[in-house]
C-alpha atoms as a PDB file:
ATOM      1  CA  UNK A   1     -46.778 -19.970-101.846  1.00  0.00           C
ATOM      2  CA  UNK A   2     -44.435 -21.917 -99.910  1.00  0.00           C
ATOM      3  CA  UNK A   3     -46.123 -25.006-100.925  1.00  0.00           C
ATOM      4  CA  UNK A   4     -45.861 -24.558-104.577  1.00  0.00           C
ATOM      5  CA  UNK A   5     -42.262 -23.783-104.079  1.00  0.00           C
ATOM      6  CA  UNK A   6     -41.524 -26.954-102.539  1.00  0.00           C
ATOM      7  CA  UNK A   7     -43.717 -29.060-104.907  1.00  0.00           C
ATOM      8  CA  UNK A   8     -41.564 -26.796-107.843  1.00  0.00           C
ATOM      9  CA  UNK A   9     -38.206 -27.971-106.317  1.00  0.00           C
ATOM     10  CA  UNK A  10     -39.492 -31.408-105.779  1.00  0.00           C
ATOM     11  CA  UNK A  11     -40.482 -31.768-109.503  1.00  0.00           C
ATOM     12  CA  UNK A  12     -36.793 -29.991-110.612  1.00  0.00           C
ATOM     13  CA  UNK A  13     -35.214 -32.319-108.656  1.00  0.00           C
ATOM     14  CA  UNK A  14     -37.019 -35.597-109.980  1.00  0.00           C
ATOM     15  CA  UNK A  15     -36.910 -34.025-113.268  1.00  0.00           C
ATOM     16  CA  UNK A  16     -33.050 -33.584-113.451  1.00  0.00           C
ATOM     17  CA  UNK A  17     -32.408 -36.779-111.906  1.00  0.00           C
ATOM     18  CA  UNK A  18     -34.933 -38.622-114.769  1.00  0.00           C
ATOM     19  CA  UNK A  19     -33.418 -36.432-117.385  1.00  0.00           C
ATOM     20  CA  UNK A  20     -29.502 -38.183-116.308  1.00  0.00           C
ATOM     21  CA  UNK A  21     -31.012 -41.205-116.388  1.00  0.00           C
ATOM     22  CA  UNK A  22     -32.476 -40.848-119.547  1.00  0.00           C
ATOM     23  CA  UNK A  23     -28.895 -40.195-121.242  1.00  0.00           C
ATOM     24  CA  UNK A  24     -27.385 -43.284-119.301  1.00  0.00           C
ATOM     25  CA  UNK A  25     -26.155 -41.435-116.475  1.00  0.00           C
ATOM     26  CA  UNK A  26     -23.784 -39.605-118.906  1.00  0.00           C
ATOM     27  CA  UNK A  27     -21.572 -37.345-115.985  1.00  0.00           C
ATOM     28  CA  UNK A  28     -19.653 -35.383-118.568  1.00  0.00           C
ATOM     29  CA  UNK A  29     -22.977 -33.937-119.673  1.00  0.00           C
ATOM     30  CA  UNK A  30     -23.978 -33.031-116.486  1.00  0.00           C
ATOM     31  CA  UNK A  31     -20.507 -31.759-115.574  1.00  0.00           C
ATOM     32  CA  UNK A  32     -20.944 -29.401-118.442  1.00  0.00           C
ATOM     33  CA  UNK A  33     -24.307 -28.059-117.860  1.00  0.00           C
ATOM     34  CA  UNK A  34     -23.878 -27.872-113.841  1.00  0.00           C
ATOM     35  CA  UNK A  35     -20.675 -25.925-114.246  1.00  0.00           C
ATOM     36  CA  UNK A  36     -22.003 -23.489-117.262  1.00  0.00           C
ATOM     37  CA  UNK A  37     -25.187 -22.825-114.350  1.00  0.00           C
ATOM     38  CA  UNK A  38     -22.379 -22.248-111.301  1.00  0.00           C
ATOM     39  CA  UNK A  39     -20.214 -19.645-113.860  1.00  0.00           C
ATOM     40  CA  UNK A  40     -23.434 -17.797-114.106  1.00  0.00           C
ATOM     41  CA  UNK A  41     -24.280 -17.791-110.097  1.00  0.00           C
ATOM     42  CA  UNK A  42     -20.536 -17.047-109.754  1.00  0.00           C
ATOM     43  CA  UNK A  43     -21.017 -13.065-110.357  1.00  0.00           C
ATOM     44  CA  UNK A  44     -23.460 -12.812-107.330  1.00  0.00           C
ATOM     45  CA  UNK A  45     -21.401 -14.490-105.500  1.00  0.00           C
ATOM     46  CA  UNK A  46     -18.357 -12.288-105.642  1.00  0.00           C
ATOM     47  CA  UNK A  47     -21.020  -9.874-105.602  1.00  0.00           C
ATOM     48  CA  UNK A  48     -22.229 -11.328-101.714  1.00  0.00           C
ATOM     49  CA  UNK A  49     -18.672 -11.641-100.464  1.00  0.00           C
ATOM     50  CA  UNK A  50     -17.152  -8.540-101.085  1.00  0.00           C
ATOM     51  CA  UNK A  51     -20.431  -7.097 -99.422  1.00  0.00           C
ATOM     52  CA  UNK A  52     -20.300  -9.353 -96.358  1.00  0.00           C
ATOM     53  CA  UNK A  53     -16.855 -10.615 -96.631  1.00  0.00           C
ATOM     54  CA  UNK A  54     -15.919 -14.653 -96.451  1.00  0.00           C
ATOM     55  CA  UNK A  55     -15.568 -16.453 -93.304  1.00  0.00           C
ATOM     56  CA  UNK A  56     -12.547 -19.178 -93.314  1.00  0.00           C
ATOM     57  CA  UNK A  57     -14.260 -20.964 -90.734  1.00  0.00           C
ATOM     58  CA  UNK A  58     -16.542 -22.749 -93.078  1.00  0.00           C
ATOM     59  CA  UNK A  59     -13.635 -23.449 -95.568  1.00  0.00           C
ATOM     60  CA  UNK A  60     -13.357 -26.790 -93.985  1.00  0.00           C
ATOM     61  CA  UNK A  61     -17.142 -27.772 -93.956  1.00  0.00           C
ATOM     62  CA  UNK A  62     -17.169 -26.745 -97.483  1.00  0.00           C
ATOM     63  CA  UNK A  63     -14.544 -28.534 -98.428  1.00  0.00           C
ATOM     64  CA  UNK A  64     -15.360 -31.302 -96.739  1.00  0.00           C
ATOM     65  CA  UNK A  65     -18.971 -31.332 -98.958  1.00  0.00           C
ATOM     66  CA  UNK A  66     -17.111 -30.463-102.003  1.00  0.00           C
ATOM     67  CA  UNK A  67     -15.527 -33.868-101.887  1.00  0.00           C
ATOM     68  CA  UNK A  68     -18.668 -35.904-100.790  1.00  0.00           C
ATOM     69  CA  UNK A  69     -20.016 -34.306-104.069  1.00  0.00           C
ATOM     70  CA  UNK A  70     -17.837 -35.408-106.210  1.00  0.00           C
ATOM     71  CA  UNK A  71     -18.069 -39.286-105.082  1.00  0.00           C
ATOM     72  CA  UNK A  72     -21.787 -38.237-105.366  1.00  0.00           C
ATOM     73  CA  UNK A  73     -21.941 -37.350-108.662  1.00  0.00           C
ATOM     74  CA  UNK A  74     -19.815 -40.679-109.757  1.00  0.00           C
ATOM     75  CA  UNK A  75     -21.633 -43.011-107.902  1.00  0.00           C
ATOM     76  CA  UNK A  76     -24.907 -41.275-108.381  1.00  0.00           C
ATOM     77  CA  UNK A  77     -24.364 -41.470-112.069  1.00  0.00           C
ATOM     78  CA  UNK A  78     -23.107 -45.072-112.400  1.00  0.00           C
ATOM     79  CA  UNK A  79     -26.375 -46.283-110.660  1.00  0.00           C
ATOM     80  CA  UNK A  80     -28.272 -44.652-113.473  1.00  0.00           C
ATOM     81  CA  UNK A  81     -25.656 -46.500-116.012  1.00  0.00           C
ATOM     82  CA  UNK A  82     -26.549 -50.003-114.860  1.00  0.00           C
ATOM     83  CA  UNK A  83     -29.908 -49.545-113.693  1.00  0.00           C
ATOM     84  CA  UNK A  84     -33.676 -48.146-113.303  1.00  0.00           C
ATOM     85  CA  UNK A  85     -34.346 -44.457-112.097  1.00  0.00           C
ATOM     86  CA  UNK A  86     -37.672 -46.168-110.045  1.00  0.00           C
ATOM     87  CA  UNK A  87     -34.866 -48.342-108.091  1.00  0.00           C
ATOM     88  CA  UNK A  88     -32.014 -46.189-107.886  1.00  0.00           C
ATOM     89  CA  UNK A  89     -33.294 -42.736-107.001  1.00  0.00           C
ATOM     90  CA  UNK A  90     -35.690 -44.240-104.123  1.00  0.00           C
ATOM     91  CA  UNK A  91     -32.360 -46.061-102.291  1.00  0.00           C
ATOM     92  CA  UNK A  92     -30.192 -43.279-102.767  1.00  0.00           C
ATOM     93  CA  UNK A  93     -32.395 -40.716-101.046  1.00  0.00           C
ATOM     94  CA  UNK A  94     -33.510 -42.949 -98.361  1.00  0.00           C
ATOM     95  CA  UNK A  95     -30.368 -44.271 -97.242  1.00  0.00           C
ATOM     96  CA  UNK A  96     -29.071 -41.101 -97.214  1.00  0.00           C
ATOM     97  CA  UNK A  97     -31.901 -39.560 -95.138  1.00  0.00           C
ATOM     98  CA  UNK A  98     -31.821 -42.444 -93.046  1.00  0.00           C
ATOM     99  CA  UNK A  99     -27.867 -42.470 -92.564  1.00  0.00           C
ATOM    100  CA  UNK A 100     -28.007 -38.632 -91.805  1.00  0.00           C
ATOM    101  CA  UNK A 101     -30.476 -39.308 -88.787  1.00  0.00           C
ATOM    102  CA  UNK A 102     -28.501 -42.069 -87.759  1.00  0.00           C
ATOM    103  CA  UNK A 103     -25.076 -40.548 -87.547  1.00  0.00           C
ATOM    104  CA  UNK A 104     -26.683 -37.133 -85.746  1.00  0.00           C
ATOM    105  CA  UNK A 105     -28.411 -39.856 -83.128  1.00  0.00           C
ATOM    106  CA  UNK A 106     -25.160 -41.597 -82.276  1.00  0.00           C
ATOM    107  CA  UNK A 107     -22.299 -39.410 -83.431  1.00  0.00           C
ATOM    108  CA  UNK A 108     -24.123 -35.809 -82.960  1.00  0.00           C
ATOM    109  CA  UNK A 109     -26.030 -36.883 -80.083  1.00  0.00           C
ATOM    110  CA  UNK A 110     -29.067 -35.216 -81.434  1.00  0.00           C
ATOM    111  CA  UNK A 111     -32.762 -36.594 -80.258  1.00  0.00           C
ATOM    112  CA  UNK A 112     -35.163 -38.327 -82.792  1.00  0.00           C
ATOM    113  CA  UNK A 113     -38.393 -38.763 -81.950  1.00  0.00           C
ATOM    114  CA  UNK A 114     -40.663 -42.500 -81.790  1.00  0.00           C
ATOM    115  CA  UNK A 115     -41.903 -41.004 -85.449  1.00  0.00           C
ATOM    116  CA  UNK A 116     -38.495 -40.021 -86.886  1.00  0.00           C
ATOM    117  CA  UNK A 117     -37.112 -44.075 -85.584  1.00  0.00           C
ATOM    118  CA  UNK A 118     -40.384 -45.129 -87.430  1.00  0.00           C
ATOM    119  CA  UNK A 119     -39.596 -43.370 -90.530  1.00  0.00           C
ATOM    120  CA  UNK A 120     -35.694 -44.846 -90.456  1.00  0.00           C
ATOM    121  CA  UNK A 121     -37.359 -48.443 -90.090  1.00  0.00           C
ATOM    122  CA  UNK A 122     -39.724 -47.646 -93.154  1.00  0.00           C
ATOM    123  CA  UNK A 123     -36.722 -46.827 -95.363  1.00  0.00           C
ATOM    124  CA  UNK A 124     -34.883 -49.470 -94.456  1.00  0.00           C
ATOM    125  CA  UNK A 125     -37.269 -51.820 -94.882  1.00  0.00           C
ATOM    126  CA  UNK A 126     -38.504 -50.142 -98.537  1.00  0.00           C
ATOM    127  CA  UNK A 127     -34.620 -50.124 -99.507  1.00  0.00           C
ATOM    128  CA  UNK A 128     -34.829 -54.102 -98.598  1.00  0.00           C
ATOM    129  CA  UNK A 129     -37.855 -54.602-100.707  1.00  0.00           C
ATOM    130  CA  UNK A 130     -36.605 -53.183-103.482  1.00  0.00           C
ATOM    131  CA  UNK A 131     -33.010 -54.298-103.377  1.00  0.00           C
ATOM    132  CA  UNK A 132     -34.122 -58.084-102.809  1.00  0.00           C
ATOM    133  CA  UNK A 133     -35.963 -58.584-105.805  1.00  0.00           C
ATOM    134  CA  UNK A 134     -36.228 -61.908-106.985  1.00  0.00           C
ATOM    135  CA  UNK A 135     -36.144 -60.044-110.645  1.00  0.00           C
ATOM    136  CA  UNK A 136     -33.023 -58.146-109.801  1.00  0.00           C
ATOM    137  CA  UNK A 137     -31.017 -58.392-112.762  1.00  0.00           C
ATOM    138  CA  UNK A 138     -26.905 -58.208-112.337  1.00  0.00           C
ATOM    139  CA  UNK A 139     -27.141 -54.874-113.666  1.00  0.00           C
ATOM    140  CA  UNK A 140     -30.212 -54.227-111.190  1.00  0.00           C
ATOM    141  CA  UNK A 141     -27.515 -55.260-108.628  1.00  0.00           C
ATOM    142  CA  UNK A 142     -25.081 -53.302-109.754  1.00  0.00           C
ATOM    143  CA  UNK A 143     -27.221 -50.280-109.956  1.00  0.00           C
ATOM    144  CA  UNK A 144     -28.563 -50.225-106.628  1.00  0.00           C
ATOM    145  CA  UNK A 145     -25.284 -51.202-104.820  1.00  0.00           C
ATOM    146  CA  UNK A 146     -24.022 -47.825-106.153  1.00  0.00           C
ATOM    147  CA  UNK A 147     -27.380 -45.950-105.187  1.00  0.00           C
ATOM    148  CA  UNK A 148     -26.657 -47.222-101.903  1.00  0.00           C
ATOM    149  CA  UNK A 149     -22.888 -45.653-101.916  1.00  0.00           C
ATOM    150  CA  UNK A 150     -24.702 -42.494-103.169  1.00  0.00           C
ATOM    151  CA  UNK A 151     -26.761 -42.635 -99.802  1.00  0.00           C
ATOM    152  CA  UNK A 152     -23.617 -42.617 -97.705  1.00  0.00           C
ATOM    153  CA  UNK A 153     -22.599 -39.231 -99.916  1.00  0.00           C
ATOM    154  CA  UNK A 154     -25.583 -37.583 -99.547  1.00  0.00           C
ATOM    155  CA  UNK A 155     -25.330 -38.487 -95.599  1.00  0.00           C
ATOM    156  CA  UNK A 156     -21.965 -37.107 -95.627  1.00  0.00           C
ATOM    157  CA  UNK A 157     -22.662 -33.739 -97.947  1.00  0.00           C
ATOM    158  CA  UNK A 158     -25.749 -32.740 -95.785  1.00  0.00           C
ATOM    159  CA  UNK A 159     -24.366 -33.226 -92.296  1.00  0.00           C
ATOM    160  CA  UNK A 160     -21.191 -31.173 -93.828  1.00  0.00           C
ATOM    161  CA  UNK A 161     -23.618 -28.644 -95.219  1.00  0.00           C
ATOM    162  CA  UNK A 162     -25.296 -28.195 -91.982  1.00  0.00           C
ATOM    163  CA  UNK A 163     -21.979 -26.821 -90.510  1.00  0.00           C
ATOM    164  CA  UNK A 164     -20.721 -24.649 -93.162  1.00  0.00           C
ATOM    165  CA  UNK A 165     -24.368 -22.685 -93.578  1.00  0.00           C
ATOM    166  CA  UNK A 166     -24.002 -21.306 -90.015  1.00  0.00           C
ATOM    167  CA  UNK A 167     -20.511 -19.733 -91.646  1.00  0.00           C
ATOM    168  CA  UNK A 168     -21.153 -18.072 -95.332  1.00  0.00           C
ATOM    169  CA  UNK A 169     -24.280 -16.738 -97.129  1.00  0.00           C
ATOM    170  CA  UNK A 170     -25.929 -19.813 -98.655  1.00  0.00           C
ATOM    171  CA  UNK A 171     -25.543 -19.012-102.271  1.00  0.00           C
ATOM    172  CA  UNK A 172     -21.824 -18.197-101.196  1.00  0.00           C
ATOM    173  CA  UNK A 173     -21.673 -21.821 -99.778  1.00  0.00           C
ATOM    174  CA  UNK A 174     -23.894 -23.670-102.846  1.00  0.00           C
ATOM    175  CA  UNK A 175     -21.344 -21.938-105.452  1.00  0.00           C
ATOM    176  CA  UNK A 176     -18.076 -22.416-104.020  1.00  0.00           C
ATOM    177  CA  UNK A 177     -18.476 -26.066-102.921  1.00  0.00           C
ATOM    178  CA  UNK A 178     -19.950 -26.628-106.455  1.00  0.00           C
ATOM    179  CA  UNK A 179     -17.462 -25.500-108.291  1.00  0.00           C
ATOM    180  CA  UNK A 180     -14.931 -27.255-106.064  1.00  0.00           C
ATOM    181  CA  UNK A 181     -16.361 -30.385-106.444  1.00  0.00           C
ATOM    182  CA  UNK A 182     -16.687 -30.148-110.094  1.00  0.00           C
ATOM    183  CA  UNK A 183     -12.978 -29.291-110.266  1.00  0.00           C
ATOM    184  CA  UNK A 184     -12.318 -32.534-108.174  1.00  0.00           C
ATOM    185  CA  UNK A 185     -14.432 -34.861-110.313  1.00  0.00           C
ATOM    186  CA  UNK A 186     -13.311 -33.445-113.898  1.00  0.00           C
ATOM    187  CA  UNK A 187     -10.401 -36.138-114.213  1.00  0.00           C
ATOM    188  CA  UNK A 188     -13.170 -38.805-114.108  1.00  0.00           C
ATOM    189  CA  UNK A 189     -15.808 -36.833-116.112  1.00  0.00           C
ATOM    190  CA  UNK A 190     -13.296 -36.126-118.862  1.00  0.00           C
ATOM    191  CA  UNK A 191     -10.330 -38.801-118.553  1.00  0.00           C
ATOM    192  CA  UNK A 192     -10.308 -39.178-122.498  1.00  0.00           C
ATOM    193  CA  UNK A 193      -9.536 -35.783-122.415  1.00  0.00           C
ATOM    194  CA  UNK A 194     -12.092 -32.213-122.862  1.00  0.00           C
ATOM    195  CA  UNK A 195     -12.755 -32.376-126.507  1.00  0.00           C
ATOM    196  CA  UNK A 196     -12.690 -35.701-127.376  1.00  0.00           C
ATOM    197  CA  UNK A 197     -15.486 -36.476-124.696  1.00  0.00           C
ATOM    198  CA  UNK A 198     -17.955 -33.597-125.870  1.00  0.00           C
ATOM    199  CA  UNK A 199     -17.396 -34.502-129.236  1.00  0.00           C
ATOM    200  CA  UNK A 200     -18.770 -38.001-128.223  1.00  0.00           C
ATOM    201  CA  UNK A 201     -21.333 -36.678-126.307  1.00  0.00           C
ATOM    202  CA  UNK A 202     -22.779 -33.815-128.927  1.00  0.00           C
ATOM    203  CA  UNK A 203     -26.393 -35.473-129.189  1.00  0.00           C
ATOM    204  CA  UNK A 204     -26.860 -35.298-125.604  1.00  0.00           C
ATOM    205  CA  UNK A 205     -25.354 -31.847-125.515  1.00  0.00           C
ATOM    206  CA  UNK A 206     -29.199 -30.350-125.410  1.00  0.00           C
ATOM    207  CA  UNK A 207     -29.670 -31.818-121.931  1.00  0.00           C
ATOM    208  CA  UNK A 208     -26.485 -30.276-120.272  1.00  0.00           C
ATOM    209  CA  UNK A 209     -28.086 -26.739-119.241  1.00  0.00           C
ATOM    210  CA  UNK A 210     -31.216 -28.089-118.435  1.00  0.00           C
ATOM    211  CA  UNK A 211     -29.749 -31.204-116.200  1.00  0.00           C
ATOM    212  CA  UNK A 212     -27.694 -28.143-114.241  1.00  0.00           C
ATOM    213  CA  UNK A 213     -30.395 -25.844-114.397  1.00  0.00           C
ATOM    214  CA  UNK A 214     -32.409 -28.308-112.602  1.00  0.00           C
ATOM    215  CA  UNK A 215     -29.680 -29.484-109.861  1.00  0.00           C
ATOM    216  CA  UNK A 216     -28.469 -25.805-108.759  1.00  0.00           C
ATOM    217  CA  UNK A 217     -32.079 -24.498-109.350  1.00  0.00           C
ATOM    218  CA  UNK A 218     -33.302 -26.983-106.670  1.00  0.00           C
ATOM    219  CA  UNK A 219     -31.283 -25.239-104.030  1.00  0.00           C
ATOM    220  CA  UNK A 220     -32.155 -22.150-104.577  1.00  0.00           C
ATOM    221  CA  UNK A 221     -36.017 -22.980-104.987  1.00  0.00           C
ATOM    222  CA  UNK A 222     -35.656 -24.400-101.219  1.00  0.00           C
ATOM    223  CA  UNK A 223     -33.438 -21.465 -99.580  1.00  0.00           C
ATOM    224  CA  UNK A 224     -36.105 -19.141-100.766  1.00  0.00           C
ATOM    225  CA  UNK A 225     -38.976 -21.324 -99.683  1.00  0.00           C
ATOM    226  CA  UNK A 226     -37.123 -21.578 -95.975  1.00  0.00           C
ATOM    227  CA  UNK A 227     -36.974 -17.780 -96.045  1.00  0.00           C
ATOM    228  CA  UNK A 228     -40.725 -17.334 -96.618  1.00  0.00           C
ATOM    229  CA  UNK A 229     -41.500 -20.095 -94.018  1.00  0.00           C
ATOM    230  CA  UNK A 230     -40.863 -21.134 -90.283  1.00  0.00           C
ATOM    231  CA  UNK A 231     -41.911 -24.743 -90.528  1.00  0.00           C
ATOM    232  CA  UNK A 232     -38.879 -26.132 -91.850  1.00  0.00           C
ATOM    233  CA  UNK A 233     -39.722 -29.553 -90.952  1.00  0.00           C
ATOM    234  CA  UNK A 234     -42.955 -29.421 -93.422  1.00  0.00           C
ATOM    235  CA  UNK A 235     -40.815 -28.168 -96.648  1.00  0.00           C
ATOM    236  CA  UNK A 236     -37.871 -31.151 -96.411  1.00  0.00           C
ATOM    237  CA  UNK A 237     -40.851 -33.041 -95.657  1.00  0.00           C
ATOM    238  CA  UNK A 238     -43.061 -32.298 -98.852  1.00  0.00           C
ATOM    239  CA  UNK A 239     -39.678 -31.967-101.139  1.00  0.00           C
ATOM    240  CA  UNK A 240     -39.362 -36.109-100.526  1.00  0.00           C
ATOM    241  CA  UNK A 241     -42.428 -36.227-102.835  1.00  0.00           C
ATOM    242  CA  UNK A 242     -39.579 -36.211-105.657  1.00  0.00           C
ATOM    243  CA  UNK A 243     -39.205 -40.056-105.113  1.00  0.00           C
ATOM    244  CA  UNK A 244     -42.721 -40.558-106.377  1.00  0.00           C
ATOM    245  CA  UNK A 245     -42.344 -38.171-109.184  1.00  0.00           C
ATOM    246  CA  UNK A 246     -39.111 -39.570-110.382  1.00  0.00           C
ATOM    247  CA  UNK A 247     -40.310 -43.178-110.314  1.00  0.00           C
ATOM    248  CA  UNK A 248     -43.814 -42.222-111.605  1.00  0.00           C
ATOM    249  CA  UNK A 249     -41.249 -40.908-114.665  1.00  0.00           C
ATOM    250  CA  UNK A 250     -39.268 -44.071-114.727  1.00  0.00           C
ATOM    251  CA  UNK A 251     -42.546 -46.334-115.325  1.00  0.00           C
ATOM    252  CA  UNK A 252     -44.492 -44.533-117.464  1.00  0.00           C
ATOM    253  CA  UNK A 253     -41.336 -42.402-119.915  1.00  0.00           C
ATOM    254  CA  UNK A 254     -38.482 -45.042-119.448  1.00  0.00           C
ATOM    255  CA  UNK A 255     -41.446 -47.798-119.675  1.00  0.00           C
ATOM    256  CA  UNK A 256     -39.275 -49.435-116.618  1.00  0.00           C
ATOM    257  CA  UNK A 257     -41.248 -52.383-115.176  1.00  0.00           C
ATOM    258  CA  UNK A 258     -43.172 -51.724-111.759  1.00  0.00           C
ATOM    259  CA  UNK A 259     -43.030 -54.761-110.250  1.00  0.00           C
ATOM    260  CA  UNK A 260     -45.050 -55.423-106.855  1.00  0.00           C
ATOM    261  CA  UNK A 261     -42.021 -55.516-104.643  1.00  0.00           C
ATOM    262  CA  UNK A 262     -40.631 -52.026-106.003  1.00  0.00           C
ATOM    263  CA  UNK A 263     -43.921 -50.460-105.907  1.00  0.00           C
ATOM    264  CA  UNK A 264     -44.016 -51.668-102.111  1.00  0.00           C
ATOM    265  CA  UNK A 265     -40.440 -50.460-101.286  1.00  0.00           C
ATOM    266  CA  UNK A 266     -41.015 -46.840-103.294  1.00  0.00           C
ATOM    267  CA  UNK A 267     -44.134 -46.390-100.692  1.00  0.00           C
ATOM    268  CA  UNK A 268     -42.174 -47.494 -97.652  1.00  0.00           C
ATOM    269  CA  UNK A 269     -39.189 -45.375 -98.461  1.00  0.00           C
ATOM    270  CA  UNK A 270     -41.313 -42.242 -99.414  1.00  0.00           C
ATOM    271  CA  UNK A 271     -43.569 -42.872 -96.287  1.00  0.00           C
ATOM    272  CA  UNK A 272     -39.965 -43.043 -93.929  1.00  0.00           C
ATOM    273  CA  UNK A 273     -38.295 -40.173 -95.459  1.00  0.00           C
ATOM    274  CA  UNK A 274     -41.494 -37.748 -94.091  1.00  0.00           C
ATOM    275  CA  UNK A 275     -41.621 -39.298 -90.997  1.00  0.00           C
ATOM    276  CA  UNK A 276     -38.220 -38.519 -90.528  1.00  0.00           C
ATOM    277  CA  UNK A 277     -38.079 -34.938 -91.809  1.00  0.00           C
ATOM    278  CA  UNK A 278     -41.316 -34.141 -89.923  1.00  0.00           C
ATOM    279  CA  UNK A 279     -40.138 -36.064 -86.727  1.00  0.00           C
END
């Protein structure tokens, strides 16, 4: 049961990123879909807060996570606007996990095993393999730079989320954080005005609820999986197969070029992600 839930989460995460790339990194469409799904979840959040209360000690980590998420959305969708998902997605995921592990070691003084360090080295090697390909165009380089910045924001919100989870119910943390982050990113997503932006993107509007549900649903599925199993490291490691899924979608559906360097880099990054999560 847990295996299939985590596999579903990996597919959902890869799929909403794939659709985001399919609509060329359209941030307003993602905003609309995700905000609508968060509004559906909001009544459940209110019920939980009325029942359990809200621990204001968790407010700072939630706000910190929301700020990082704001920049995450901006950099992620710019990476999809300029380049391939088969390069941007592995680089952003790999950078985020590797940096999170490094900060945990050197700042928070957490322990990382030899397996974990092997994973970090593999991820760095994979990112360099993908990012330094001779076939990279100017647009591809721009995309990879945005993907690297996305990885930095992933590390930031991952560390913030790890601090906020102990203060309030996970649904409350996710919902409050998400709504706050979308309020922060609103001026960027709708800089032309809300009405004009929506009218300009009517063709992509059907993708909005699917992307929004995939984004939020991934977190909720993983949370449910955690509640059913004590093997947290195996759950988060299995989730990283989303890198392979997203890359295959890019190659097969979007007809992105599967160069030898890109494939080797993706394999290195995926292996590194799994080793870090299991180590």
